[in-house]
Amino acid sequence: MGMSVTISAAADGDAEQILKLQYLCFQSEAEAYGDYAIAPLTQSLDGLRAEMAAGCMMVARLGDEVVGSVRGAVDSDGTARIDRLCVHPRLQRHGLGGRLLAAIEDRLAAERDAKRYHLVTGNRSEGNLRLYRKSGYTTSGTPEWDRKVKLTSMTKDVSGAAGGSAAAVASA
């Protein structure tokens, strides 16, 4: 039997692995949009560490290896901004992205009093859009632009008690 993937809060020592994973995972997005200067590919280690200190970050681990990550922070009006969900290419399409998304939602609601969730993804990123819709997100507002990438903005209200999002993903 193989090892199980576990999801937990990121630790300070995970920063380098997260940055390397992020760089690997966002290559396909950069290629799809013809823009290799997107933020996930240009972020510094210091920038990532600052995000870790200011917000919440969850990781998926296979043994000692970080194979997925997602981050979020809640602003003063209770909106949780979820960002840079990524899963190692060899583990994609096995539900790990949905598990990470549910974990960050639950944590932001329970520990940071999130009232709603907001995220953006490339408008041609069909796999991402499918995952977010399956997880209860709907398109909101007008499209945004980040350099050459047209982004789709999506939102979802917190539906009550923590754990609700994980149950919704598991049953979908």
N, C-alpha and C. Protein backbone atom coordinates (compact mmCIF):
# COMPACT_ATOMS: atom_id res chain seq x y z
N MET A 1 0.83 -1.19 0.00
CA MET A 1 0.00 0.00 0.00
C MET A 1 0.86 1.25 0.00
N GLY A 2 0.42 2.26 -0.71
CA GLY A 2 1.15 3.52 -0.77
C GLY A 2 0.81 4.42 0.39
N MET A 3 1.51 5.52 0.45
CA MET A 3 1.25 6.51 1.50
C MET A 3 -0.01 7.31 1.18
N SER A 4 -0.61 7.84 2.22
CA SER A 4 -1.78 8.71 2.05
C SER A 4 -1.33 10.16 2.00
N VAL A 5 -2.08 10.95 1.26
CA VAL A 5 -1.84 12.39 1.23
C VAL A 5 -2.58 13.00 2.41
N THR A 6 -1.87 13.80 3.19
CA THR A 6 -2.47 14.48 4.34
C THR A 6 -2.50 15.98 4.07
N ILE A 7 -3.46 16.65 4.65
CA ILE A 7 -3.59 18.11 4.51
C ILE A 7 -3.47 18.73 5.89
N SER A 8 -2.63 19.77 5.96
CA SER A 8 -2.41 20.46 7.23
C SER A 8 -1.99 21.89 6.96
N ALA A 9 -1.89 22.66 8.04
CA ALA A 9 -1.39 24.03 7.92
C ALA A 9 0.07 23.97 7.49
N ALA A 10 0.46 24.91 6.66
CA ALA A 10 1.85 25.00 6.23
C ALA A 10 2.71 25.43 7.41
N ALA A 11 3.92 24.91 7.44
CA ALA A 11 4.90 25.29 8.46
C ALA A 11 5.95 26.20 7.82
N ASP A 12 6.64 26.97 8.63
CA ASP A 12 7.66 27.88 8.12
C ASP A 12 8.67 27.16 7.22
N GLY A 13 9.03 25.96 7.58
CA GLY A 13 10.01 25.20 6.82
C GLY A 13 9.51 24.70 5.47
N ASP A 14 8.23 24.89 5.17
CA ASP A 14 7.66 24.44 3.89
C ASP A 14 7.84 25.45 2.77
N ALA A 15 8.26 26.65 3.07
CA ALA A 15 8.25 27.75 2.10
C ALA A 15 8.99 27.40 0.81
N GLU A 16 10.17 26.84 0.88
CA GLU A 16 10.93 26.54 -0.34
C GLU A 16 10.23 25.49 -1.19
N GLN A 17 9.70 24.45 -0.55
CA GLN A 17 8.97 23.42 -1.30
C GLN A 17 7.72 23.99 -1.96
N ILE A 18 7.00 24.87 -1.25
CA ILE A 18 5.80 25.48 -1.80
C ILE A 18 6.15 26.33 -3.01
N LEU A 19 7.20 27.12 -2.91
CA LEU A 19 7.59 27.98 -4.02
C LEU A 19 7.99 27.15 -5.25
N LYS A 20 8.74 26.08 -5.04
CA LYS A 20 9.12 25.21 -6.16
C LYS A 20 7.90 24.54 -6.78
N LEU A 21 6.98 24.07 -5.95
CA LEU A 21 5.75 23.45 -6.44
C LEU A 21 4.92 24.46 -7.23
N GLN A 22 4.77 25.66 -6.69
CA GLN A 22 4.02 26.72 -7.36
C GLN A 22 4.62 26.99 -8.74
N TYR A 23 5.93 27.08 -8.80
CA TYR A 23 6.61 27.35 -10.08
C TYR A 23 6.33 26.22 -11.08
N LEU A 24 6.40 24.99 -10.63
CA LEU A 24 6.12 23.84 -11.49
C LEU A 24 4.67 23.85 -11.96
N CYS A 25 3.75 24.05 -11.06
CA CYS A 25 2.33 23.94 -11.38
C CYS A 25 1.81 25.06 -12.28
N PHE A 26 2.35 26.23 -12.16
CA PHE A 26 1.84 27.35 -12.95
C PHE A 26 2.51 27.48 -14.32
N GLN A 27 3.41 26.56 -14.66
CA GLN A 27 4.01 26.57 -16.00
C GLN A 27 2.94 26.36 -17.08
N SER A 28 2.01 25.45 -16.82
CA SER A 28 0.97 25.18 -17.82
C SER A 28 0.06 26.39 -18.02
N GLU A 29 -0.22 27.13 -16.96
CA GLU A 29 -1.02 28.35 -17.08
C GLU A 29 -0.25 29.38 -17.91
N ALA A 30 1.01 29.55 -17.62
CA ALA A 30 1.83 30.51 -18.35
C ALA A 30 1.88 30.16 -19.84
N GLU A 31 2.02 28.87 -20.13
CA GLU A 31 2.06 28.42 -21.52
C GLU A 31 0.72 28.68 -22.21
N ALA A 32 -0.37 28.37 -21.53
CA ALA A 32 -1.70 28.54 -22.12
C ALA A 32 -1.99 29.99 -22.48
N TYR A 33 -1.47 30.91 -21.70
CA TYR A 33 -1.75 32.32 -21.92
C TYR A 33 -0.59 33.06 -22.59
N GLY A 34 0.51 32.37 -22.82
CA GLY A 34 1.66 33.01 -23.45
C GLY A 34 2.27 34.12 -22.60
N ASP A 35 2.24 33.92 -21.28
CA ASP A 35 2.77 34.94 -20.38
C ASP A 35 3.53 34.25 -19.24
N TYR A 36 4.84 34.27 -19.32
CA TYR A 36 5.67 33.62 -18.29
C TYR A 36 6.05 34.59 -17.17
N ALA A 37 5.45 35.75 -17.15
CA ALA A 37 5.72 36.71 -16.09
C ALA A 37 4.53 36.82 -15.13
N ILE A 38 3.67 35.79 -15.10
CA ILE A 38 2.54 35.81 -14.17
C ILE A 38 3.08 35.74 -12.74
N ALA A 39 2.31 36.30 -11.81
CA ALA A 39 2.75 36.43 -10.42
C ALA A 39 3.24 35.12 -9.78
N PRO A 40 2.57 33.98 -9.98
CA PRO A 40 3.06 32.76 -9.34
C PRO A 40 4.47 32.34 -9.81
N LEU A 41 4.87 32.79 -11.00
CA LEU A 41 6.20 32.42 -11.50
C LEU A 41 7.27 33.44 -11.15
N THR A 42 6.87 34.59 -10.67
CA THR A 42 7.85 35.63 -10.36
C THR A 42 7.94 35.92 -8.86
N GLN A 43 7.14 35.25 -8.05
CA GLN A 43 7.16 35.49 -6.61
C GLN A 43 8.50 35.07 -6.01
N SER A 44 8.98 35.87 -5.08
CA SER A 44 10.22 35.55 -4.38
C SER A 44 9.93 34.72 -3.14
N LEU A 45 10.96 34.10 -2.62
CA LEU A 45 10.83 33.33 -1.38
C LEU A 45 10.44 34.26 -0.23
N ASP A 46 11.02 35.46 -0.19
CA ASP A 46 10.66 36.42 0.86
C ASP A 46 9.19 36.83 0.74
N GLY A 47 8.72 37.01 -0.50
CA GLY A 47 7.32 37.35 -0.72
C GLY A 47 6.38 36.25 -0.24
N LEU A 48 6.76 35.01 -0.51
CA LEU A 48 5.96 33.87 -0.06
C LEU A 48 5.94 33.80 1.46
N ARG A 49 7.10 33.98 2.07
CA ARG A 49 7.16 33.94 3.54
C ARG A 49 6.30 35.04 4.16
N ALA A 50 6.27 36.21 3.54
CA ALA A 50 5.42 37.30 4.04
C ALA A 50 3.95 36.91 3.94
N GLU A 51 3.56 36.26 2.85
CA GLU A 51 2.17 35.78 2.72
C GLU A 51 1.84 34.75 3.79
N MET A 52 2.79 33.87 4.06
CA MET A 52 2.58 32.84 5.08
C MET A 52 2.34 33.48 6.45
N ALA A 53 3.10 34.53 6.75
CA ALA A 53 2.98 35.20 8.05
C ALA A 53 1.67 35.98 8.17
N ALA A 54 1.18 36.52 7.07
CA ALA A 54 0.00 37.39 7.10
C ALA A 54 -1.32 36.65 6.98
N GLY A 55 -1.33 35.49 6.35
CA GLY A 55 -2.59 34.80 6.09
C GLY A 55 -2.56 33.36 6.54
N CYS A 56 -3.37 32.55 5.89
CA CYS A 56 -3.43 31.11 6.13
C CYS A 56 -2.88 30.40 4.91
N MET A 57 -2.16 29.34 5.13
CA MET A 57 -1.68 28.53 4.02
C MET A 57 -1.81 27.06 4.42
N MET A 58 -2.38 26.28 3.51
CA MET A 58 -2.54 24.85 3.73
C MET A 58 -1.68 24.11 2.71
N VAL A 59 -1.19 22.95 3.12
CA VAL A 59 -0.41 22.12 2.21
C VAL A 59 -0.94 20.69 2.24
N ALA A 60 -0.72 20.01 1.12
CA ALA A 60 -0.97 18.57 1.03
C ALA A 60 0.41 17.92 1.03
N ARG A 61 0.56 16.88 1.81
CA ARG A 61 1.85 16.19 1.92
C ARG A 61 1.70 14.73 1.55
N LEU A 62 2.69 14.27 0.85
CA LEU A 62 2.85 12.84 0.58
C LEU A 62 4.17 12.48 1.24
N GLY A 63 4.09 11.92 2.44
CA GLY A 63 5.30 11.74 3.24
C GLY A 63 5.82 13.11 3.63
N ASP A 64 7.09 13.38 3.32
CA ASP A 64 7.69 14.68 3.63
C ASP A 64 7.58 15.68 2.49
N GLU A 65 7.06 15.24 1.34
CA GLU A 65 6.99 16.11 0.16
C GLU A 65 5.70 16.91 0.14
N VAL A 66 5.81 18.22 -0.09
CA VAL A 66 4.65 19.08 -0.29
C VAL A 66 4.20 18.88 -1.74
N VAL A 67 2.97 18.36 -1.93
CA VAL A 67 2.46 18.06 -3.26
C VAL A 67 1.25 18.92 -3.64
N GLY A 68 0.87 19.83 -2.76
CA GLY A 68 -0.22 20.74 -3.06
C GLY A 68 -0.21 21.87 -2.05
N SER A 69 -0.76 23.01 -2.46
CA SER A 69 -0.87 24.13 -1.52
C SER A 69 -1.97 25.08 -1.97
N VAL A 70 -2.42 25.87 -1.03
CA VAL A 70 -3.41 26.92 -1.27
C VAL A 70 -3.26 27.92 -0.15
N ARG A 71 -3.59 29.17 -0.43
CA ARG A 71 -3.48 30.21 0.59
C ARG A 71 -4.70 31.09 0.59
N GLY A 72 -4.90 31.78 1.69
CA GLY A 72 -6.01 32.70 1.79
C GLY A 72 -5.81 33.69 2.91
N ALA A 73 -6.52 34.79 2.81
CA ALA A 73 -6.51 35.82 3.84
C ALA A 73 -7.89 36.47 3.85
N VAL A 74 -8.30 36.94 5.00
CA VAL A 74 -9.62 37.55 5.15
C VAL A 74 -9.45 39.05 5.36
N ASP A 75 -10.18 39.84 4.58
CA ASP A 75 -10.09 41.30 4.70
C ASP A 75 -11.08 41.80 5.75
N SER A 76 -11.10 43.10 5.97
CA SER A 76 -11.89 43.69 7.05
C SER A 76 -13.40 43.53 6.88
N ASP A 77 -13.88 43.29 5.67
CA ASP A 77 -15.33 43.09 5.48
C ASP A 77 -15.72 41.61 5.51
N GLY A 78 -14.78 40.74 5.83
CA GLY A 78 -15.08 39.31 5.96
C GLY A 78 -14.93 38.52 4.68
N THR A 79 -14.38 39.11 3.64
CA THR A 79 -14.17 38.39 2.38
C THR A 79 -12.82 37.67 2.42
N ALA A 80 -12.88 36.37 2.26
CA ALA A 80 -11.67 35.56 2.21
C ALA A 80 -11.19 35.47 0.77
N ARG A 81 -10.00 35.92 0.52
CA ARG A 81 -9.39 35.85 -0.82
C ARG A 81 -8.55 34.58 -0.86
N ILE A 82 -8.97 33.66 -1.70
CA ILE A 82 -8.27 32.38 -1.85
C ILE A 82 -7.42 32.46 -3.10
N ASP A 83 -6.18 32.00 -2.99
CA ASP A 83 -5.24 32.20 -4.08
C ASP A 83 -4.29 31.01 -4.24
N ARG A 84 -3.83 30.84 -5.45
CA ARG A 84 -2.75 29.94 -5.85
C ARG A 84 -2.92 28.50 -5.39
N LEU A 85 -4.10 27.99 -5.62
CA LEU A 85 -4.34 26.56 -5.40
C LEU A 85 -3.54 25.80 -6.44
N CYS A 86 -2.69 24.90 -5.98
CA CYS A 86 -1.91 24.10 -6.94
C CYS A 86 -1.68 22.71 -6.40
N VAL A 87 -1.64 21.76 -7.33
CA VAL A 87 -1.41 20.35 -7.02
C VAL A 87 -0.36 19.84 -7.99
N HIS A 88 0.60 19.09 -7.48
CA HIS A 88 1.65 18.53 -8.33
C HIS A 88 1.02 17.82 -9.53
N PRO A 89 1.56 18.04 -10.72
CA PRO A 89 0.97 17.44 -11.93
C PRO A 89 0.74 15.93 -11.83
N ARG A 90 1.60 15.20 -11.16
CA ARG A 90 1.44 13.74 -11.10
C ARG A 90 0.27 13.32 -10.20
N LEU A 91 -0.25 14.26 -9.41
CA LEU A 91 -1.36 13.94 -8.50
C LEU A 91 -2.65 14.65 -8.86
N GLN A 92 -2.67 15.35 -9.97
CA GLN A 92 -3.89 16.04 -10.38
C GLN A 92 -4.95 15.05 -10.84
N ARG A 93 -6.21 15.49 -10.76
CA ARG A 93 -7.38 14.71 -11.16
C ARG A 93 -7.67 13.53 -10.22
N HIS A 94 -7.30 13.70 -8.94
CA HIS A 94 -7.61 12.69 -7.93
C HIS A 94 -8.34 13.28 -6.73
N GLY A 95 -8.87 14.50 -6.89
CA GLY A 95 -9.65 15.12 -5.82
C GLY A 95 -8.85 15.93 -4.82
N LEU A 96 -7.55 16.00 -4.99
CA LEU A 96 -6.73 16.71 -4.03
C LEU A 96 -6.98 18.22 -4.04
N GLY A 97 -7.21 18.80 -5.20
CA GLY A 97 -7.52 20.23 -5.28
C GLY A 97 -8.79 20.56 -4.52
N GLY A 98 -9.81 19.73 -4.65
CA GLY A 98 -11.06 19.93 -3.92
C GLY A 98 -10.86 19.81 -2.41
N ARG A 99 -10.02 18.87 -2.00
CA ARG A 99 -9.74 18.71 -0.56
C ARG A 99 -8.99 19.93 -0.02
N LEU A 100 -8.03 20.43 -0.78
CA LEU A 100 -7.30 21.63 -0.34
C LEU A 100 -8.22 22.84 -0.27
N LEU A 101 -9.07 23.00 -1.27
CA LEU A 101 -10.00 24.13 -1.29
C LEU A 101 -10.94 24.06 -0.08
N ALA A 102 -11.49 22.91 0.19
CA ALA A 102 -12.38 22.74 1.35
C ALA A 102 -11.64 23.02 2.65
N ALA A 103 -10.39 22.59 2.74
CA ALA A 103 -9.62 22.79 3.97
C ALA A 103 -9.35 24.28 4.22
N ILE A 104 -8.98 25.02 3.19
CA ILE A 104 -8.71 26.45 3.39
C ILE A 104 -10.02 27.20 3.69
N GLU A 105 -11.10 26.82 3.03
CA GLU A 105 -12.40 27.45 3.33
C GLU A 105 -12.78 27.23 4.79
N ASP A 106 -12.68 25.99 5.24
CA ASP A 106 -13.05 25.67 6.62
C ASP A 106 -12.19 26.43 7.62
N ARG A 107 -10.90 26.50 7.34
CA ARG A 107 -9.99 27.19 8.26
C ARG A 107 -10.27 28.69 8.29
N LEU A 108 -10.47 29.29 7.12
CA LEU A 108 -10.74 30.72 7.07
C LEU A 108 -12.06 31.07 7.75
N ALA A 109 -13.04 30.21 7.63
CA ALA A 109 -14.33 30.46 8.30
C ALA A 109 -14.20 30.29 9.81
N ALA A 110 -13.54 29.24 10.24
CA ALA A 110 -13.45 28.93 11.66
C ALA A 110 -12.49 29.85 12.41
N GLU A 111 -11.34 30.15 11.82
CA GLU A 111 -10.31 30.89 12.54
C GLU A 111 -10.24 32.37 12.20
N ARG A 112 -10.78 32.76 11.04
CA ARG A 112 -10.65 34.15 10.60
C ARG A 112 -12.01 34.81 10.34
N ASP A 113 -13.08 34.10 10.67
CA ASP A 113 -14.45 34.63 10.56
C ASP A 113 -14.82 35.09 9.15
N ALA A 114 -14.44 34.29 8.16
CA ALA A 114 -14.79 34.60 6.77
C ALA A 114 -16.30 34.53 6.60
N LYS A 115 -16.84 35.46 5.83
CA LYS A 115 -18.28 35.51 5.53
C LYS A 115 -18.55 35.03 4.11
N ARG A 116 -17.56 35.24 3.24
CA ARG A 116 -17.67 34.83 1.84
C ARG A 116 -16.28 34.55 1.32
N TYR A 117 -16.23 33.80 0.23
CA TYR A 117 -14.95 33.46 -0.40
C TYR A 117 -14.90 34.10 -1.78
N HIS A 118 -13.72 34.52 -2.17
CA HIS A 118 -13.50 35.10 -3.49
C HIS A 118 -12.20 34.53 -4.04
N LEU A 119 -12.22 34.20 -5.34
CA LEU A 119 -11.01 33.74 -6.01
C LEU A 119 -11.08 34.15 -7.46
N VAL A 120 -9.95 34.10 -8.13
CA VAL A 120 -9.91 34.37 -9.57
C VAL A 120 -9.11 33.26 -10.24
N THR A 121 -9.45 33.01 -11.49
CA THR A 121 -8.73 32.03 -12.29
C THR A 121 -8.78 32.48 -13.74
N GLY A 122 -7.88 31.98 -14.52
CA GLY A 122 -7.88 32.31 -15.94
C GLY A 122 -9.17 31.86 -16.60
N ASN A 123 -9.70 32.68 -17.49
CA ASN A 123 -11.00 32.37 -18.10
C ASN A 123 -10.95 31.14 -19.01
N ARG A 124 -9.75 30.71 -19.42
CA ARG A 124 -9.62 29.51 -20.26
C ARG A 124 -9.14 28.30 -19.46
N SER A 125 -9.05 28.43 -18.15
CA SER A 125 -8.56 27.34 -17.30
C SER A 125 -9.73 26.44 -16.92
N GLU A 126 -10.16 25.61 -17.88
CA GLU A 126 -11.38 24.81 -17.72
C GLU A 126 -11.35 23.89 -16.51
N GLY A 127 -10.22 23.27 -16.23
CA GLY A 127 -10.14 22.39 -15.06
C GLY A 127 -10.38 23.16 -13.77
N ASN A 128 -9.78 24.33 -13.66
CA ASN A 128 -9.98 25.16 -12.48
C ASN A 128 -11.43 25.60 -12.36
N LEU A 129 -11.99 26.09 -13.47
CA LEU A 129 -13.38 26.54 -13.46
C LEU A 129 -14.32 25.41 -13.07
N ARG A 130 -14.07 24.21 -13.57
CA ARG A 130 -14.91 23.05 -13.24
C ARG A 130 -14.84 22.76 -11.74
N LEU A 131 -13.63 22.75 -11.17
CA LEU A 131 -13.46 22.49 -9.74
C LEU A 131 -14.20 23.54 -8.91
N TYR A 132 -14.03 24.80 -9.25
CA TYR A 132 -14.65 25.86 -8.45
C TYR A 132 -16.17 25.81 -8.55
N ARG A 133 -16.69 25.54 -9.72
CA ARG A 133 -18.16 25.42 -9.86
C ARG A 133 -18.68 24.23 -9.07
N LYS A 134 -17.97 23.12 -9.14
CA LYS A 134 -18.35 21.92 -8.39
C LYS A 134 -18.34 22.20 -6.88
N SER A 135 -17.47 23.11 -6.47
CA SER A 135 -17.35 23.46 -5.05
C SER A 135 -18.29 24.57 -4.63
N GLY A 136 -19.18 25.01 -5.53
CA GLY A 136 -20.21 25.97 -5.17
C GLY A 136 -19.93 27.42 -5.54
N TYR A 137 -18.86 27.67 -6.25
CA TYR A 137 -18.53 29.05 -6.65
C TYR A 137 -19.32 29.43 -7.89
N THR A 138 -19.68 30.72 -7.96
CA THR A 138 -20.35 31.26 -9.14
C THR A 138 -19.56 32.46 -9.65
N THR A 139 -19.65 32.68 -10.95
CA THR A 139 -18.98 33.81 -11.57
C THR A 139 -19.60 35.09 -11.04
N SER A 140 -18.75 36.05 -10.72
CA SER A 140 -19.24 37.31 -10.16
C SER A 140 -18.53 38.49 -10.82
N GLY A 141 -19.24 39.57 -10.92
CA GLY A 141 -18.63 40.79 -11.44
C GLY A 141 -18.19 40.68 -12.88
N THR A 142 -17.39 41.63 -13.28
CA THR A 142 -16.88 41.66 -14.64
C THR A 142 -15.49 41.04 -14.66
N PRO A 143 -15.10 40.51 -15.80
CA PRO A 143 -13.77 39.91 -15.89
C PRO A 143 -12.67 40.93 -15.58
N GLU A 144 -11.60 40.44 -15.02
CA GLU A 144 -10.44 41.26 -14.70
C GLU A 144 -9.31 40.86 -15.64
N TRP A 145 -8.33 41.72 -15.78
CA TRP A 145 -7.16 41.40 -16.60
C TRP A 145 -5.91 41.46 -15.73
N ASP A 146 -5.04 40.48 -15.90
CA ASP A 146 -3.73 40.47 -15.27
C ASP A 146 -2.72 40.27 -16.39
N ARG A 147 -2.13 41.36 -16.84
CA ARG A 147 -1.20 41.33 -17.96
C ARG A 147 -1.93 40.80 -19.19
N LYS A 148 -1.58 39.63 -19.69
CA LYS A 148 -2.20 39.07 -20.89
C LYS A 148 -3.35 38.11 -20.57
N VAL A 149 -3.60 37.88 -19.29
CA VAL A 149 -4.55 36.86 -18.86
C VAL A 149 -5.87 37.49 -18.46
N LYS A 150 -6.96 37.05 -19.11
CA LYS A 150 -8.30 37.47 -18.71
C LYS A 150 -8.73 36.55 -17.56
N LEU A 151 -9.06 37.14 -16.44
CA LEU A 151 -9.39 36.39 -15.24
C LEU A 151 -10.90 36.35 -15.01
N THR A 152 -11.37 35.23 -14.51
CA THR A 152 -12.76 35.07 -14.10
C THR A 152 -12.81 35.17 -12.59
N SER A 153 -13.62 36.08 -12.08
CA SER A 153 -13.80 36.27 -10.65
C SER A 153 -14.96 35.39 -10.19
N MET A 154 -14.76 34.69 -9.08
CA MET A 154 -15.79 33.78 -8.58
C MET A 154 -15.97 33.98 -7.07
N THR A 155 -17.20 33.81 -6.60
CA THR A 155 -17.49 33.96 -5.18
C THR A 155 -18.39 32.84 -4.67
N LYS A 156 -18.40 32.73 -3.37
CA LYS A 156 -19.23 31.74 -2.69
C LYS A 156 -19.45 32.24 -1.27
N ASP A 157 -20.67 32.19 -0.78
CA ASP A 157 -20.94 32.57 0.60
C ASP A 157 -20.59 31.41 1.52
N VAL A 158 -20.17 31.76 2.73
CA VAL A 158 -19.94 30.74 3.75
C VAL A 158 -21.31 30.21 4.12
N SER A 159 -21.47 28.90 4.08
CA SER A 159 -22.81 28.31 4.25
C SER A 159 -23.07 27.79 5.65
N GLY A 160 -22.55 28.45 6.64
CA GLY A 160 -22.83 28.02 8.01
C GLY A 160 -21.59 27.48 8.69
N ALA A 161 -21.74 26.35 9.33
CA ALA A 161 -20.68 25.80 10.17
C ALA A 161 -19.49 25.34 9.36
N ALA A 162 -18.32 25.40 9.98
CA ALA A 162 -17.11 24.88 9.36
C ALA A 162 -17.33 23.40 9.08
N GLY A 163 -16.78 22.92 8.01
CA GLY A 163 -16.97 21.53 7.61
C GLY A 163 -17.96 21.40 6.47
N GLY A 164 -18.80 22.39 6.29
CA GLY A 164 -19.82 22.36 5.25
C GLY A 164 -19.21 22.27 3.86
N SER A 165 -18.15 23.01 3.62
CA SER A 165 -17.55 23.00 2.30
C SER A 165 -16.90 21.65 2.01
N ALA A 166 -16.28 21.05 3.01
CA ALA A 166 -15.64 19.76 2.80
C ALA A 166 -16.69 18.70 2.49
N ALA A 167 -17.82 18.75 3.18
CA ALA A 167 -18.88 17.80 2.92
C ALA A 167 -19.46 17.98 1.52
N ALA A 168 -19.59 19.23 1.10
CA ALA A 168 -20.13 19.50 -0.24
C ALA A 168 -19.23 18.96 -1.32
N VAL A 169 -17.91 19.13 -1.15
CA VAL A 169 -16.96 18.62 -2.14
C VAL A 169 -16.97 17.10 -2.14
N ALA A 170 -17.02 16.50 -0.96
CA ALA A 170 -16.99 15.04 -0.87
C ALA A 170 -18.22 14.41 -1.51
N SER A 171 -19.38 15.08 -1.41
CA SER A 171 -20.60 14.50 -1.95
C SER A 171 -20.81 14.81 -3.43
N ALA A 172 -20.05 15.77 -3.95
CA ALA A 172 -20.25 16.17 -5.35
C ALA A 172 -19.67 15.17 -6.32
